[in-house]
Amino acid sequence: MSPFARINSSRSPLLYAAIAAVLLTLIIGAGAAIATHDAHDRAHSAPAATSYQLPATQSAAA
């Protein structure tokens, strides 16, 4: 029997607790990310203090 089949057929309470803990952590983390995200004041998700300005180009007609 393959290891995956053994895990799939297992009814271990510890396995269920570990899976529940992982799912709960993901749900809480997603909720925190959604709750702290403020997209209403800018159009992109870059930090507000970060500036992505292109360098000024010099004209060749001088």
C-alpha atoms as a PDB file:
ATOM      1  CA  MET A   1       0.000   0.000   0.000  1.00  0.00           C
ATOM      2  CA  SER A   2       1.407   3.390  -0.964  1.00  0.00           C
ATOM      3  CA  PRO A   3       2.028   6.040   1.695  1.00  0.00           C
ATOM      4  CA  PHE A   4      -0.673   8.283   0.210  1.00  0.00           C
ATOM      5  CA  ALA A   5      -3.241   5.491   0.375  1.00  0.00           C
ATOM      6  CA  ARG A   6      -2.311   4.867   4.016  1.00  0.00           C
ATOM      7  CA  ILE A   7      -2.733   8.559   4.860  1.00  0.00           C
ATOM      8  CA  ASN A   8      -6.027   8.683   2.970  1.00  0.00           C
ATOM      9  CA  SER A   9      -7.423   5.677   4.833  1.00  0.00           C
ATOM     10  CA  SER A  10      -6.173   6.885   8.216  1.00  0.00           C
ATOM     11  CA  ARG A  11      -8.697   8.018  10.832  1.00  0.00           C
ATOM     12  CA  SER A  12      -6.141   9.496  13.223  1.00  0.00           C
ATOM     13  CA  PRO A  13      -7.438  12.282  15.496  1.00  0.00           C
ATOM     14  CA  LEU A  14      -3.970  13.831  15.403  1.00  0.00           C
ATOM     15  CA  LEU A  15      -4.098  13.989  11.598  1.00  0.00           C
ATOM     16  CA  TYR A  16      -7.523  15.649  11.713  1.00  0.00           C
ATOM     17  CA  ALA A  17      -6.261  18.129  14.330  1.00  0.00           C
ATOM     18  CA  ALA A  18      -3.207  19.003  12.229  1.00  0.00           C
ATOM     19  CA  ILE A  19      -5.301  19.573   9.105  1.00  0.00           C
ATOM     20  CA  ALA A  20      -7.814  21.654  11.078  1.00  0.00           C
ATOM     21  CA  ALA A  21      -4.984  23.773  12.511  1.00  0.00           C
ATOM     22  CA  VAL A  22      -3.557  24.444   9.041  1.00  0.00           C
ATOM     23  CA  LEU A  23      -6.955  25.403   7.634  1.00  0.00           C
ATOM     24  CA  LEU A  24      -7.730  27.625  10.606  1.00  0.00           C
ATOM     25  CA  THR A  25      -4.380  29.383  10.224  1.00  0.00           C
ATOM     26  CA  LEU A  26      -5.047  30.010   6.524  1.00  0.00           C
ATOM     27  CA  ILE A  27      -8.551  31.325   7.195  1.00  0.00           C
ATOM     28  CA  ILE A  28      -7.369  33.675   9.960  1.00  0.00           C
ATOM     29  CA  GLY A  29      -4.475  34.907   7.813  1.00  0.00           C
ATOM     30  CA  ALA A  30      -6.759  35.574   4.840  1.00  0.00           C
ATOM     31  CA  GLY A  31      -9.229  37.393   7.069  1.00  0.00           C
ATOM     32  CA  ALA A  32      -6.470  39.551   8.528  1.00  0.00           C
ATOM     33  CA  ALA A  33      -5.120  40.357   5.054  1.00  0.00           C
ATOM     34  CA  ILE A  34      -8.566  41.356   3.826  1.00  0.00           C
ATOM     35  CA  ALA A  35      -9.317  43.388   6.939  1.00  0.00           C
ATOM     36  CA  THR A  36      -6.081  45.389   6.778  1.00  0.00           C
ATOM     37  CA  HIS A  37      -6.085  45.950   3.001  1.00  0.00           C
ATOM     38  CA  ASP A  38      -7.072  49.483   2.015  1.00  0.00           C
ATOM     39  CA  ALA A  39      -7.405  49.705  -1.762  1.00  0.00           C
ATOM     40  CA  HIS A  40      -9.770  52.688  -1.796  1.00  0.00           C
ATOM     41  CA  ASP A  41      -7.052  55.343  -1.764  1.00  0.00           C
ATOM     42  CA  ARG A  42      -4.782  54.057  -4.536  1.00  0.00           C
ATOM     43  CA  ALA A  43      -5.113  52.027  -7.703  1.00  0.00           C
ATOM     44  CA  HIS A  44      -2.343  49.491  -7.048  1.00  0.00           C
ATOM     45  CA  SER A  45      -1.113  47.413  -4.152  1.00  0.00           C
ATOM     46  CA  ALA A  46       2.388  48.839  -3.828  1.00  0.00           C
ATOM     47  CA  PRO A  47       3.228  50.409  -0.459  1.00  0.00           C
ATOM     48  CA  ALA A  48       2.320  54.090  -0.296  1.00  0.00           C
ATOM     49  CA  ALA A  49       5.868  55.144   0.646  1.00  0.00           C
ATOM     50  CA  THR A  50       7.365  53.416  -2.393  1.00  0.00           C
ATOM     51  CA  SER A  51       7.786  55.557  -5.473  1.00  0.00           C
ATOM     52  CA  TYR A  52       8.199  53.942  -8.874  1.00  0.00           C
ATOM     53  CA  GLN A  53       9.014  56.934 -11.056  1.00  0.00           C
ATOM     54  CA  LEU A  54      10.754  56.533 -14.383  1.00  0.00           C
ATOM     55  CA  PRO A  55      14.014  58.464 -14.814  1.00  0.00           C
ATOM     56  CA  ALA A  56      13.803  61.637 -16.849  1.00  0.00           C
ATOM     57  CA  THR A  57      14.992  61.247 -20.433  1.00  0.00           C
ATOM     58  CA  GLN A  58      17.122  63.832 -22.123  1.00  0.00           C
ATOM     59  CA  SER A  59      16.174  65.054 -25.561  1.00  0.00           C
ATOM     60  CA  ALA A  60      18.494  64.280 -28.463  1.00  0.00           C
ATOM     61  CA  ALA A  61      17.677  67.541 -30.291  1.00  0.00           C
ATOM     62  CA  ALA A  62      20.140  69.654 -28.254  1.00  0.00           C
END
